[in-house]
Amino acid sequence: MNAASTVDITRYTYRVTWSAEDEEYVATCLELPSLSWLADTQEDALRGLRELLADVIEDMLSNDEPVPEPLSSRAYSGKFNLRIGEQLHRRLAMEAAQEHLSLNQYVVRRLTSAS
């Protein structure tokens, strides 16, 4: 058993898209954005990237480097700080007040409706 097999690479976030520039499919991994794999089919692109990722993770582990945790496994608090300009803050607070909502409730509603 190699070191990479202790990390489940199927838990990472993958995307396969068509690259008009390369005229091939390109597979990428959100957690390791510097990696990509080009192939004639979507399946081959994903397979090639997974094999590359397994090799990279094996190297990282053998060199005692930290391996990125898959986004799907990370814990999220539900909180994040956001800095916005004074004018936007004022406008959002006024819009929230008009709808009889807290600023937090208003922003969550706006973000949810945008997705």
Protein backbone atom coordinates (compact mmCIF):
# COMPACT_ATOMS: atom_id res chain seq x y z
CA MET A 1 0.00 0.00 0.00
CA ASN A 2 1.47 3.37 -0.96
CA ALA A 3 1.15 6.56 1.07
CA ALA A 4 -1.36 8.14 -1.33
CA SER A 5 -3.84 5.34 -0.66
CA THR A 6 -4.32 6.77 2.86
CA VAL A 7 -5.88 9.83 1.21
CA ASP A 8 -9.19 9.26 -0.57
CA ILE A 9 -8.72 11.22 -3.81
CA THR A 10 -12.35 10.59 -4.79
CA ARG A 11 -13.37 13.17 -2.15
CA TYR A 12 -11.70 16.07 -3.97
CA THR A 13 -13.64 18.53 -6.12
CA TYR A 14 -13.10 17.91 -9.82
CA ARG A 15 -14.20 19.76 -12.93
CA VAL A 16 -13.84 18.66 -16.54
CA THR A 17 -14.44 21.29 -19.23
CA TRP A 18 -13.74 21.70 -22.91
CA SER A 19 -10.70 23.82 -23.72
CA ALA A 20 -11.23 25.55 -27.07
CA GLU A 21 -7.62 26.74 -26.96
CA ASP A 22 -6.24 23.21 -26.57
CA GLU A 23 -9.09 21.48 -28.41
CA GLU A 24 -9.20 18.89 -25.64
CA TYR A 25 -10.97 18.34 -22.36
CA VAL A 26 -9.17 19.70 -19.33
CA ALA A 27 -9.65 18.28 -15.84
CA THR A 28 -8.86 20.38 -12.78
CA CYS A 29 -9.03 19.92 -9.00
CA LEU A 30 -10.29 22.82 -6.91
CA GLU A 31 -8.16 21.91 -3.89
CA LEU A 32 -4.95 21.74 -5.97
CA PRO A 33 -5.47 24.41 -8.66
CA SER A 34 -1.96 24.12 -10.12
CA LEU A 35 -2.76 20.63 -11.43
CA SER A 36 -4.58 19.89 -14.68
CA TRP A 37 -4.81 17.12 -17.27
CA LEU A 38 -5.70 17.34 -20.95
CA ALA A 39 -7.26 14.47 -22.93
CA ASP A 40 -9.49 13.70 -25.90
CA THR A 41 -12.39 12.57 -23.71
CA GLN A 42 -13.85 13.75 -20.42
CA GLU A 43 -13.28 10.33 -18.88
CA ASP A 44 -9.62 10.23 -19.91
CA ALA A 45 -9.04 13.76 -18.61
CA LEU A 46 -10.52 12.88 -15.22
CA ARG A 47 -8.66 9.56 -15.05
CA GLY A 48 -5.36 11.25 -15.93
CA LEU A 49 -5.86 13.96 -13.32
CA ARG A 50 -6.72 11.43 -10.62
CA GLU A 51 -3.56 9.45 -11.40
CA LEU A 52 -1.51 12.66 -11.32
CA LEU A 53 -3.16 13.71 -8.05
CA ALA A 54 -2.37 10.34 -6.46
CA ASP A 55 1.30 10.72 -7.45
CA VAL A 56 1.46 14.32 -6.19
CA ILE A 57 -0.14 13.41 -2.87
CA GLU A 58 2.24 10.47 -2.48
CA ASP A 59 5.16 12.86 -3.01
CA MET A 60 3.70 15.39 -0.57
CA LEU A 61 3.26 12.74 2.11
CA SER A 62 6.73 11.28 1.59
CA ASN A 63 8.19 14.79 1.97
CA ASP A 64 6.09 15.52 5.09
CA GLU A 65 4.25 18.32 3.26
CA PRO A 66 0.67 19.13 4.23
CA VAL A 67 -1.94 17.61 1.93
CA PRO A 68 -5.00 19.80 1.25
CA GLU A 69 -8.16 18.54 2.89
CA PRO A 70 -11.04 17.98 0.45
CA LEU A 71 -13.59 20.80 0.57
CA SER A 72 -16.30 18.19 1.15
CA SER A 73 -14.61 17.13 4.41
CA ARG A 74 -13.95 20.58 5.84
CA ALA A 75 -16.05 21.97 8.67
CA TYR A 76 -17.62 25.37 8.13
CA SER A 77 -18.76 27.63 10.97
CA GLY A 78 -21.42 29.42 8.96
CA LYS A 79 -19.71 32.73 9.67
CA PHE A 80 -17.43 34.91 7.58
CA ASN A 81 -16.41 38.52 7.86
CA LEU A 82 -16.96 40.82 4.94
CA ARG A 83 -15.60 44.33 4.52
CA ILE A 84 -17.72 46.59 2.39
CA GLY A 85 -17.69 50.32 1.86
CA GLU A 86 -19.62 52.66 4.14
CA GLN A 87 -22.10 53.61 1.40
CA LEU A 88 -22.94 50.00 0.55
CA HIS A 89 -23.27 49.15 4.24
CA ARG A 90 -25.70 52.04 4.71
CA ARG A 91 -27.74 51.07 1.63
CA LEU A 92 -27.99 47.41 2.69
CA ALA A 93 -28.97 48.38 6.24
CA MET A 94 -31.72 50.64 4.88
CA GLU A 95 -33.01 47.94 2.53
CA ALA A 96 -33.02 45.43 5.40
CA ALA A 97 -34.94 47.86 7.61
CA GLN A 98 -37.52 48.41 4.86
CA GLU A 99 -38.15 44.65 4.79
CA HIS A 100 -38.20 44.44 8.62
CA LEU A 101 -35.18 42.14 8.64
CA SER A 102 -31.86 42.23 10.39
CA LEU A 103 -28.95 43.09 8.12
CA ASN A 104 -27.71 39.50 8.49
CA GLN A 105 -31.10 38.02 7.53
CA TYR A 106 -31.35 40.38 4.57
CA VAL A 107 -27.88 39.56 3.22
CA VAL A 108 -28.43 35.80 3.65
CA ARG A 109 -31.73 36.10 1.74
CA ARG A 110 -30.05 38.07 -1.04
CA LEU A 111 -27.15 35.59 -1.28
CA THR A 112 -29.50 32.62 -1.28
CA SER A 113 -31.67 34.06 -4.04
CA ALA A 114 -28.56 34.79 -6.16
CA SER A 115 -27.47 31.13 -6.21
